[in-house]
Protein backbone atom coordinates (compact mmCIF):
# COMPACT_ATOMS: atom_id res chain seq x y z
CA MET A 1 53.81 65.98 -43.45
CA ILE A 2 53.86 62.24 -44.04
CA ARG A 3 51.01 59.73 -43.80
CA ILE A 4 51.61 56.59 -41.76
CA SER A 5 49.17 53.76 -41.11
CA VAL A 6 49.21 51.87 -37.82
CA ALA A 7 47.30 48.60 -37.47
CA LEU A 8 46.57 46.23 -34.62
CA PRO A 9 46.91 42.49 -35.41
CA SER A 10 43.09 42.38 -35.27
CA GLY A 11 43.00 44.55 -38.39
CA ASN A 12 41.85 47.77 -36.71
CA THR A 13 43.80 50.48 -38.58
CA GLU A 14 44.32 54.24 -38.20
CA THR A 15 46.17 56.55 -40.59
CA PHE A 16 47.95 59.64 -39.31
CA SER A 17 49.33 62.76 -40.96
CA ILE A 18 52.37 63.79 -38.97
CA LEU A 19 55.55 65.84 -39.38
CA GLN A 20 58.57 63.69 -40.28
CA SER A 21 60.52 65.60 -37.62
CA SER A 22 58.11 64.34 -34.94
CA LYS A 23 59.40 61.79 -32.45
CA VAL A 24 58.52 58.11 -32.38
CA GLU A 25 56.88 58.83 -29.04
CA ASP A 26 54.50 61.33 -30.70
CA LEU A 27 53.34 58.71 -33.21
CA LYS A 28 53.00 56.10 -30.47
CA LEU A 29 50.77 58.40 -28.40
CA LEU A 30 48.59 59.18 -31.43
CA ALA A 31 48.19 55.47 -32.13
CA GLN A 32 47.40 54.60 -28.51
CA ARG A 33 44.75 57.29 -28.21
CA SER A 34 43.14 56.54 -31.57
CA LEU A 35 43.17 52.77 -31.14
CA GLY A 36 42.11 52.97 -27.49
CA ARG A 37 44.98 50.83 -26.23
CA ASN A 38 47.86 51.83 -23.96
CA PHE A 39 51.24 50.10 -23.92
CA LEU A 40 51.68 49.65 -27.68
CA ARG A 41 54.98 48.91 -29.42
CA LEU A 42 55.35 49.96 -33.06
CA VAL A 43 56.96 47.56 -35.55
CA THR A 44 57.85 48.31 -39.18
CA ALA A 45 56.89 46.12 -42.13
CA GLU A 46 60.46 44.76 -42.06
CA GLY A 47 60.00 43.63 -38.45
CA HIS A 48 62.10 46.39 -36.90
CA GLY A 49 60.82 47.60 -33.53
CA LEU A 50 60.77 51.36 -32.94
CA THR A 51 62.17 51.17 -29.42
CA ASP A 52 63.86 54.58 -29.19
CA CYS A 53 60.92 56.89 -28.46
CA SER A 54 63.15 60.00 -28.52
CA GLN A 55 64.21 59.32 -32.12
CA SER A 56 62.64 61.37 -34.92
CA LEU A 57 60.48 59.56 -37.48
CA GLU A 58 62.98 60.56 -40.16
CA ALA A 59 65.92 59.14 -38.19
CA ALA A 60 63.90 55.96 -37.66
CA GLY A 61 63.65 55.62 -41.44
CA LEU A 62 59.90 56.16 -41.71
CA GLN A 63 58.58 57.55 -44.99
CA ASP A 64 55.28 58.69 -46.43
CA GLY A 65 52.89 55.75 -46.93
CA ASP A 66 54.62 53.37 -44.49
CA HIS A 67 52.53 50.79 -42.66
CA LEU A 68 53.31 49.87 -39.04
CA THR A 69 51.97 47.13 -36.78
CA ALA A 70 51.05 48.00 -33.19
CA ILE A 71 51.85 45.18 -30.76
CA ALA A 72 50.09 45.33 -27.40
CA CYS A 73 52.57 44.93 -24.53
CA GLN A 74 51.74 43.53 -21.11
CA ALA A 75 52.25 46.25 -18.53
CA LYS A 76 53.69 45.15 -15.20
CA LEU A 77 53.69 46.55 -11.68
CA ALA A 78 56.25 46.35 -8.89
CA ALA A 79 55.93 47.80 -5.41
CA THR A 80 58.03 48.86 -2.45
CA GLY A 81 56.23 49.22 0.84
CA LEU A 82 55.04 52.72 -0.06
CA ALA A 83 55.37 53.20 -3.83
CA PHE A 84 54.52 51.62 -7.19
CA ALA A 85 56.47 51.27 -10.46
CA LEU A 86 54.73 50.61 -13.80
CA TRP A 87 56.69 49.38 -16.83
CA CYS A 88 56.55 47.20 -19.93
CA CYS A 89 59.21 44.59 -20.65
CA GLY A 90 61.66 46.15 -23.11
CA GLY A 91 60.26 49.64 -22.54
CA ASP A 92 62.26 52.83 -21.99
CA ARG A 93 60.08 54.49 -19.41
CA VAL A 94 59.04 53.61 -15.86
CA ALA A 95 56.16 55.46 -14.22
CA THR A 96 56.46 55.69 -10.43
CA TRP A 97 54.23 57.12 -7.74
CA GLY A 98 53.79 56.95 -3.99
CA LYS A 99 56.16 58.19 -1.30
CA THR A 100 59.01 60.04 -3.01
CA GLY A 101 61.86 58.79 -0.83
CA SER A 102 60.59 55.21 -1.03
CA GLY A 103 60.89 54.82 -4.80
CA GLY A 104 57.91 56.97 -5.80
CA ASN A 105 60.14 59.41 -7.69
CA SER A 106 62.44 58.02 -10.42
CA THR A 107 63.08 61.24 -12.34
CA HIS A 108 66.82 61.33 -11.59
CA VAL A 109 67.34 57.88 -13.19
CA GLN A 110 64.65 58.03 -15.88
CA ASP A 111 67.17 58.59 -18.68
CA GLN A 112 69.00 55.39 -17.61
CA LEU A 113 65.90 53.22 -17.72
CA LYS A 114 66.32 51.79 -21.23
CA SER A 115 64.89 48.43 -22.29
CA VAL A 116 63.76 47.46 -18.78
CA GLN A 117 63.37 43.71 -18.32
CA HIS A 118 62.35 43.39 -14.68
CA VAL A 119 61.86 45.50 -11.56
CA GLN A 120 62.39 44.25 -8.00
CA ALA A 121 61.89 46.12 -4.72
CA THR A 122 62.96 46.28 -1.09
CA TYR A 123 60.65 48.04 1.36
CA LEU A 124 61.92 51.48 0.30
CA ALA A 125 63.83 51.10 -2.99
CA PHE A 126 63.61 49.73 -6.54
CA ALA A 127 66.14 47.92 -8.76
CA ALA A 128 65.55 47.57 -12.51
CA ILE A 129 67.34 44.98 -14.66
CA LEU A 130 68.05 46.28 -18.18
CA ALA A 131 68.42 44.24 -21.38
CA ASP A 132 72.23 44.48 -21.22
CA GLY A 133 72.21 42.92 -17.74
CA SER A 134 73.04 46.13 -15.89
CA ILE A 135 71.10 47.51 -12.91
CA VAL A 136 69.51 50.89 -12.19
CA THR A 137 68.43 51.64 -8.61
CA TRP A 138 66.45 54.42 -6.93
CA GLY A 139 64.69 55.11 -3.66
CA ASP A 140 66.13 55.14 -0.13
CA PRO A 141 69.95 54.87 -0.50
CA THR A 142 70.35 52.93 2.76
CA CYS A 143 67.78 50.34 1.66
CA GLY A 144 69.28 49.47 -1.73
CA GLY A 145 68.48 52.65 -3.66
CA ASP A 146 72.21 53.36 -4.03
CA SER A 147 74.19 50.60 -5.79
CA SER A 148 77.18 52.76 -6.79
CA HIS A 149 79.74 50.84 -4.72
CA VAL A 150 78.94 47.57 -6.53
CA GLN A 151 78.02 49.02 -9.93
CA ASP A 152 81.15 47.57 -11.56
CA GLN A 153 80.04 44.09 -10.42
CA LEU A 154 76.50 44.43 -11.73
CA ARG A 155 77.03 43.03 -15.21
CA SER A 156 75.02 40.27 -16.88
CA VAL A 157 72.49 40.23 -14.03
CA GLN A 158 69.99 37.38 -14.42
CA HIS A 159 67.77 37.85 -11.37
CA VAL A 160 67.41 40.08 -8.30
CA GLN A 161 65.94 39.22 -4.89
CA SER A 162 65.45 41.47 -1.87
CA THR A 163 65.05 41.59 1.88
CA ASP A 164 63.42 44.61 3.52
CA SER A 165 66.53 46.76 2.99
CA ALA A 166 69.02 44.96 0.71
CA PHE A 167 69.29 43.42 -2.76
CA ALA A 168 71.08 40.29 -4.01
CA ALA A 169 71.71 39.87 -7.74
CA ILE A 170 72.51 36.56 -9.44
CA LEU A 171 75.01 37.10 -12.26
CA ALA A 172 75.38 35.05 -15.46
CA ASP A 173 78.33 33.11 -14.03
CA GLY A 174 76.29 32.06 -10.99
CA SER A 175 78.00 34.42 -8.56
CA VAL A 176 76.13 36.97 -6.42
CA ALA A 177 76.50 40.71 -5.84
CA THR A 178 74.80 42.34 -2.83
CA TRP A 179 74.13 45.90 -1.72
CA GLY A 180 71.98 47.80 0.75
CA HIS A 181 71.90 47.68 4.54
CA PRO A 182 74.52 45.16 5.84
CA TYR A 183 72.26 44.07 8.71
CA TYR A 184 69.63 43.02 6.18
CA GLY A 185 71.96 40.96 3.98
CA GLY A 186 73.56 43.76 1.97
CA ASP A 187 76.99 42.43 2.95
CA SER A 188 77.70 38.88 1.73
CA THR A 189 81.50 38.94 2.09
CA GLY A 190 81.40 36.22 4.75
CA VAL A 191 79.99 33.69 2.25
CA HIS A 192 81.27 35.20 -0.99
CA ASP A 193 83.43 32.18 -1.86
CA GLN A 194 80.48 29.82 -1.35
CA LEU A 195 78.18 31.72 -3.67
CA ARG A 196 78.96 29.85 -6.87
CA SER A 197 76.53 28.33 -9.38
CA VAL A 198 73.57 30.00 -7.63
CA ARG A 199 70.26 29.25 -9.36
CA GLN A 200 67.71 30.83 -6.99
CA ILE A 201 67.57 33.19 -3.98
CA GLN A 202 64.83 33.66 -1.39
CA ALA A 203 64.66 36.17 1.49
CA THR A 204 63.16 36.84 4.90
CA GLU A 205 62.98 40.46 6.07
CA ALA A 206 66.69 40.47 6.98
CA ALA A 207 68.42 37.39 5.51
CA PHE A 208 69.00 35.63 2.19
CA ALA A 209 69.07 31.93 1.27
CA ALA A 210 70.69 30.94 -2.03
CA ILE A 211 70.06 27.55 -3.65
CA LEU A 212 73.13 26.29 -5.53
CA SER A 213 73.00 24.16 -8.67
CA GLU A 214 73.70 20.97 -6.72
CA GLY A 215 70.76 21.64 -4.41
CA THR A 216 72.62 22.87 -1.33
CA VAL A 217 71.85 26.19 0.40
CA VAL A 218 74.02 29.15 1.47
CA THR A 219 72.58 31.72 3.90
CA TRP A 220 73.68 35.15 5.10
CA GLY A 221 72.29 38.24 6.81
CA ASN A 222 70.74 38.49 10.25
CA SER A 223 71.23 35.13 12.01
CA GLU A 224 67.97 35.39 13.97
CA SER A 225 66.07 35.88 10.73
CA GLY A 226 67.39 32.76 9.03
CA GLY A 227 70.85 34.01 8.06
CA ASP A 228 72.41 31.14 10.02
CA SER A 229 71.44 27.68 8.76
CA THR A 230 74.26 25.64 10.34
CA CYS A 231 71.85 23.64 12.53
CA VAL A 232 70.11 22.17 9.46
CA GLN A 233 72.90 22.41 6.87
CA HIS A 234 73.31 18.61 6.78
CA GLN A 235 69.62 18.27 5.83
CA LEU A 236 69.70 20.85 3.06
CA LYS A 237 70.33 18.52 0.14
CA SER A 238 68.46 18.38 -3.17
CA VAL A 239 66.60 21.61 -2.34
CA TRP A 240 64.39 22.82 -5.21
CA MET A 241 62.41 25.65 -3.59
CA VAL A 242 62.61 27.93 -0.53
CA GLN A 243 59.86 30.09 1.02
CA ALA A 244 60.09 32.61 3.87
CA THR A 245 58.13 34.33 6.64
CA TYR A 246 59.50 37.57 8.13
CA SER A 247 62.20 35.68 10.01
CA ALA A 248 62.23 31.97 9.05
CA PHE A 249 62.83 29.81 5.98
CA ALA A 250 61.20 26.60 4.75
CA ALA A 251 62.92 24.53 2.06
CA ILE A 252 61.12 21.94 -0.06
CA LEU A 253 63.41 19.02 -0.95
CA ALA A 254 63.24 16.92 -4.11
CA ASP A 255 61.43 14.13 -2.22
CA GLY A 256 58.66 16.53 -1.13
CA SER A 257 59.79 16.83 2.49
CA VAL A 258 60.48 20.16 4.22
CA VAL A 259 63.38 21.58 6.25
CA THR A 260 62.90 24.75 8.33
CA TRP A 261 65.20 27.15 10.18
CA GLY A 262 65.26 30.66 11.63
CA ASP A 263 62.98 32.09 14.30
CA GLN A 264 61.15 29.10 15.77
CA LYS A 265 57.97 31.01 16.66
CA SER A 266 57.71 32.34 13.08
CA GLY A 267 57.82 28.94 11.39
CA GLY A 268 61.45 28.00 11.90
CA ASP A 269 60.34 24.99 13.96
CA SER A 270 58.13 22.53 12.05
CA SER A 271 58.71 19.54 14.34
CA LYS A 272 55.03 19.28 15.37
CA VAL A 273 53.90 18.72 11.77
CA GLN A 274 57.05 17.15 10.33
CA ASP A 275 55.45 13.74 9.88
CA ARG A 276 52.69 15.33 7.75
CA LEU A 277 55.03 17.30 5.50
CA LYS A 278 55.21 14.76 2.71
CA ALA A 279 54.68 15.30 -1.03
CA VAL A 280 54.69 19.08 -0.54
CA ARG A 281 54.24 20.94 -3.84
CA GLN A 282 53.97 24.56 -2.70
CA ILE A 283 54.50 26.68 0.42
CA GLN A 284 53.13 30.15 1.17
CA ALA A 285 53.90 32.37 4.16
CA THR A 286 52.46 35.16 6.27
CA GLY A 287 54.74 37.20 8.50
CA GLY A 288 54.92 34.44 11.10
CA ALA A 289 53.51 31.18 9.71
CA PHE A 290 53.74 28.76 6.79
CA ALA A 291 51.04 26.89 4.85
CA ALA A 292 52.05 23.93 2.69
CA ILE A 293 49.91 22.54 -0.12
CA LEU A 294 50.35 18.77 -0.43
CA ALA A 295 50.03 16.73 -3.63
CA ASP A 296 46.47 15.71 -2.69
CA GLY A 297 45.40 19.36 -2.35
CA SER A 298 45.24 19.34 1.45
CA ILE A 299 46.97 21.90 3.71
CA VAL A 300 49.48 21.70 6.56
CA THR A 301 50.21 24.83 8.62
CA TRP A 302 52.75 25.70 11.31
CA GLY A 303 54.21 28.74 13.04
CA ASP A 304 52.51 31.43 15.10
CA PRO A 305 48.74 30.70 15.37
CA PHE A 306 48.12 34.47 15.48
CA TYR A 307 49.58 34.69 11.96
CA GLY A 308 47.69 31.73 10.48
CA GLY A 309 49.80 28.89 11.82
CA ASP A 310 46.64 27.10 13.00
CA CYS A 311 44.01 26.27 10.37
CA SER A 312 42.09 23.72 12.46
CA GLU A 313 38.82 25.70 12.29
CA VAL A 314 38.72 25.43 8.49
CA GLN A 315 40.74 22.24 8.02
CA ASN A 316 37.77 20.23 6.76
CA GLN A 317 37.09 22.85 4.07
CA LEU A 318 40.67 22.87 2.81
CA ALA A 319 40.44 20.23 0.08
CA ASP A 320 41.57 20.52 -3.54
CA VAL A 321 43.52 23.72 -2.81
CA GLN A 322 45.10 25.16 -5.98
CA GLN A 323 47.02 28.13 -4.63
CA ILE A 324 47.44 30.25 -1.50
CA GLN A 325 48.07 33.95 -0.98
CA ALA A 326 48.89 35.72 2.29
CA THR A 327 48.79 39.08 4.02
CA GLY A 328 51.08 39.70 6.97
CA GLY A 329 48.75 37.79 9.26
CA ALA A 330 46.24 35.73 7.26
CA PHE A 331 45.99 33.15 4.47
CA ALA A 332 43.53 32.89 1.57
CA ALA A 333 43.31 29.57 -0.30
CA ILE A 334 41.75 29.26 -3.76
CA LEU A 335 40.04 25.88 -4.21
CA VAL A 336 39.64 23.99 -7.48
CA ASP A 337 36.04 25.23 -7.82
CA GLY A 338 37.18 28.88 -7.63
CA SER A 339 35.90 29.49 -4.10
CA VAL A 340 38.12 30.87 -1.30
CA ILE A 341 38.78 29.80 2.29
CA THR A 342 40.51 32.20 4.71
CA TRP A 343 42.05 31.89 8.17
CA GLY A 344 44.44 33.71 10.47
CA TYR A 345 44.21 37.18 12.01
CA GLU A 346 40.68 38.35 11.16
CA PRO A 347 41.38 42.11 10.79
CA SER A 348 44.13 41.24 8.27
CA GLY A 349 41.85 39.28 5.96
CA GLY A 350 41.42 36.10 7.97
CA ASP A 351 37.66 36.66 7.99
CA SER A 352 36.05 36.86 4.52
CA SER A 353 32.52 35.98 5.64
CA HIS A 354 30.97 39.29 4.49
CA VAL A 355 32.16 38.72 0.90
CA GLN A 356 32.03 34.92 0.82
CA ASP A 357 29.07 34.78 -1.55
CA GLN A 358 31.00 37.00 -4.01
CA LEU A 359 34.11 34.83 -4.01
CA ARG A 360 33.24 32.63 -6.98
CA SER A 361 35.40 31.75 -9.99
CA VAL A 362 38.42 33.40 -8.36
CA GLN A 363 41.45 33.37 -10.68
CA GLN A 364 44.11 34.99 -8.53
CA ILE A 365 44.55 36.88 -5.27
CA GLN A 366 46.92 39.69 -4.29
CA ALA A 367 47.56 41.10 -0.81
CA THR A 368 48.72 44.20 1.02
CA GLY A 369 49.99 43.81 4.57
CA SER A 370 46.46 43.41 5.90
CA ALA A 371 43.95 43.12 3.02
CA PHE A 372 43.19 40.86 0.05
CA ALA A 373 42.02 41.58 -3.51
CA ALA A 374 40.64 38.69 -5.60
CA ILE A 375 40.32 38.86 -9.39
CA LEU A 376 37.30 36.91 -10.65
CA ALA A 377 36.89 35.20 -14.02
CA ASP A 378 34.81 38.10 -15.34
CA GLY A 379 37.61 40.58 -14.55
CA SER A 380 35.91 42.13 -11.53
CA VAL A 381 37.57 42.43 -8.10
CA VAL A 382 36.45 41.52 -4.57
CA THR A 383 38.31 42.95 -1.57
CA TRP A 384 38.31 42.30 2.18
CA GLY A 385 40.45 42.84 5.25
CA ASN A 386 41.64 46.13 6.73
CA SER A 387 39.60 48.85 4.98
CA GLU A 388 42.35 51.47 5.29
CA SER A 389 44.86 49.11 3.64
CA GLY A 390 42.82 48.30 0.54
CA GLY A 391 40.18 46.02 2.02
CA ASP A 392 37.46 48.47 1.01
CA SER A 393 37.34 49.17 -2.75
CA THR A 394 33.86 50.70 -2.78
CA CYS A 395 35.05 54.07 -4.11
CA VAL A 396 36.59 52.46 -7.24
CA GLN A 397 34.41 49.39 -7.63
CA HIS A 398 32.66 50.80 -10.71
CA GLN A 399 36.09 51.13 -12.39
CA LEU A 400 37.29 47.63 -11.59
CA LYS A 401 36.22 45.92 -14.81
CA SER A 402 38.33 43.70 -17.09
CA VAL A 403 41.17 43.65 -14.55
CA LEU A 404 44.28 41.85 -15.80
CA MET A 405 46.50 42.04 -12.74
CA VAL A 406 46.76 43.60 -9.29
CA GLN A 407 49.90 44.62 -7.38
CA ALA A 408 50.22 45.86 -3.79
CA THR A 409 52.32 47.97 -1.47
CA VAL A 410 52.01 47.51 2.28
CA ALA A 411 48.64 49.31 2.34
CA ALA A 412 47.48 50.07 -1.23
CA PHE A 413 46.48 48.22 -4.41
CA ALA A 414 46.98 49.09 -8.08
CA ALA A 415 45.07 47.27 -10.85
CA ILE A 416 45.89 47.19 -14.56
CA LEU A 417 42.78 47.00 -16.75
CA ALA A 418 42.49 45.49 -20.23
CA ASP A 419 42.50 48.93 -21.85
CA GLY A 420 45.78 49.79 -20.11
CA SER A 421 44.31 52.15 -17.56
CA ILE A 422 45.34 51.98 -13.87
CA VAL A 423 43.03 52.01 -10.85
CA THR A 424 44.39 52.49 -7.33
CA TRP A 425 42.84 52.32 -3.85
CA GLY A 426 43.80 51.99 -0.20
CA ASP A 427 46.07 54.25 1.83
CA PRO A 428 46.96 57.43 -0.14
CA GLN A 429 50.32 57.62 1.65
CA SER A 430 51.19 54.12 0.40
CA GLY A 431 50.55 54.65 -3.30
CA ALA A 432 46.74 54.67 -3.52
CA ASP A 433 46.76 58.22 -4.88
CA SER A 434 47.99 58.06 -8.49
CA SER A 435 46.20 61.22 -9.65
CA GLU A 436 49.39 63.22 -10.25
CA VAL A 437 50.89 60.59 -12.57
CA GLN A 438 47.82 59.24 -14.39
CA GLY A 439 48.85 61.23 -17.46
CA GLN A 440 52.26 59.49 -17.53
CA PHE A 441 50.94 55.96 -17.89
CA GLU A 442 50.41 56.17 -21.66
CA TYR A 443 54.08 57.10 -22.09
CA VAL A 444 55.27 53.79 -20.63
């Protein structure tokens, strides 16, 4: 047996007697349970991180009397339409739950998930970027869960974006590799030679738009969903940001103006508000409408009124808007005073009247397809919208304290609390039931 001390930066210290043949993971679990903090990374006095949890303490060079520092890591959540993935940046374990064939089961790739840096998702599959720039995928093979045919291209990956059923990865040299369903942008061969010096990619449900270093845009995928931008290509100069509804794109240019294309009814036609789209600093989107925040904090909307394209009923309240979040059919705007204004399809969160008096000091908002969850300054959560899709959090409200972040599938929410625990609610078939994997979270 050897004695090893583990201390948090705050000074809280625990000393453990443990077999030297034990694994790093065993010591980590002891420390997490004793210190009451999940997601800890152990660092030696020499500054060496114990990242290989399967390594024995002896092989890691630990000896009797050693002192380690426990660094709290920020856990992160990603979501497909029906499953969640929990990981820590640089960690060697990803906990998944939800529908098995939609990314909820990662057991067959778990041994490949080493030093995970980021996780991105289509509607039914996940893709994890590792520290060496390689990619590991799982979930529905036809929706991006199988990347075997492009695996030799997936080196030095910098970023991954996704449509509903395909992924696009930006490589270190600025080129792009795609996989998944061809109809949804998984086949980029038609524009392969144009995809050079790519710095950002955005996606509708079935098409991609890549911003090149010089500010031009290259699109591919389903033409009716924004994959064909020829009609506005001459206007797409000095583009610095692109946003998307289900089937239309909106590009913010360097001068603050906006160019749109794709399905006209879903926001691809902004001609009626074009003269007002000046000094735009941010755009958010529902499934069929856009909302632009201008430099003065006011809002301009366009697209399908059913999806929030018409904010006339609340226009006079939309001043000093800081940020906007959206479900599939409604918008929620956080004002500078921390209050919230909503509009759009009422059953999808467009009507927040029954919780309006609770929406104070709102810090951030997350959304499923038809419900919102707002994190307040005190770490509590307020929900509204479709009750079956997460709009009713009554059954877990007593647990929602000190919430750090919330992530969402199409119909369920998952919240990470300050102590590292996870709380889920909404549709059980969409990831709201995490009971079978709760014991795995401390291993992440």
